[in-house]
Amino acid sequence: MKKLFEKFLKKLEQANKENFGNAKLDCCDLNKKGNNIHNKKQ
């Protein structure tokens, strides 16, 4: 079970690096970026 969880965390880490790069994963910063994307579409 431990190996399975470690494998999951490694995949999650890789996906985060691909999506966010080296940016902070601060919820306030992400929310602001998300709102800017939605506002541009309108």
Protein backbone atom coordinates (compact mmCIF):
# COMPACT_ATOMS: atom_id res chain seq x y z
CA MET A 1 0.00 0.00 0.00
CA LYS A 2 2.84 2.37 0.84
CA LYS A 3 4.47 1.87 -2.58
CA LEU A 4 1.16 2.56 -4.31
CA PHE A 5 0.73 5.82 -2.39
CA GLU A 6 4.31 6.89 -3.13
CA LYS A 7 3.76 6.19 -6.84
CA PHE A 8 0.57 8.28 -6.74
CA LEU A 9 2.41 11.19 -5.09
CA LYS A 10 5.19 11.07 -7.68
CA LYS A 11 2.64 11.20 -10.52
CA LEU A 12 0.84 14.08 -8.81
CA GLU A 13 4.12 15.95 -8.38
CA GLN A 14 4.95 15.50 -12.07
CA ALA A 15 1.49 16.67 -13.16
CA ASN A 16 1.79 19.77 -10.98
CA LYS A 17 5.18 20.60 -12.45
CA GLU A 18 3.77 20.30 -15.98
CA ASN A 19 0.71 22.45 -15.19
CA PHE A 20 2.16 25.06 -12.86
CA GLY A 21 5.91 24.99 -13.46
CA ASN A 22 7.77 26.50 -10.54
CA ALA A 23 4.90 28.82 -9.58
CA LYS A 24 3.61 28.90 -6.03
CA LEU A 25 0.53 26.80 -5.41
CA ASP A 26 -1.00 29.49 -3.24
CA CYS A 27 -4.80 29.31 -3.31
CA CYS A 28 -5.16 33.10 -3.48
CA ASP A 29 -2.76 33.40 -6.44
CA LEU A 30 -4.43 30.51 -8.26
CA ASN A 31 -7.86 32.01 -7.66
CA LYS A 32 -6.76 35.36 -9.10
CA LYS A 33 -5.32 33.67 -12.19
CA GLY A 34 -8.50 31.63 -12.60
CA ASN A 35 -10.68 34.74 -12.36
CA ASN A 36 -8.56 36.55 -14.95
CA ILE A 37 -9.05 33.69 -17.41
CA HIS A 38 -12.82 33.73 -16.89
CA ASN A 39 -13.02 37.51 -17.20
CA LYS A 40 -11.14 37.52 -20.51
CA LYS A 41 -13.62 35.04 -22.03
CA GLN A 42 -16.64 37.25 -21.31
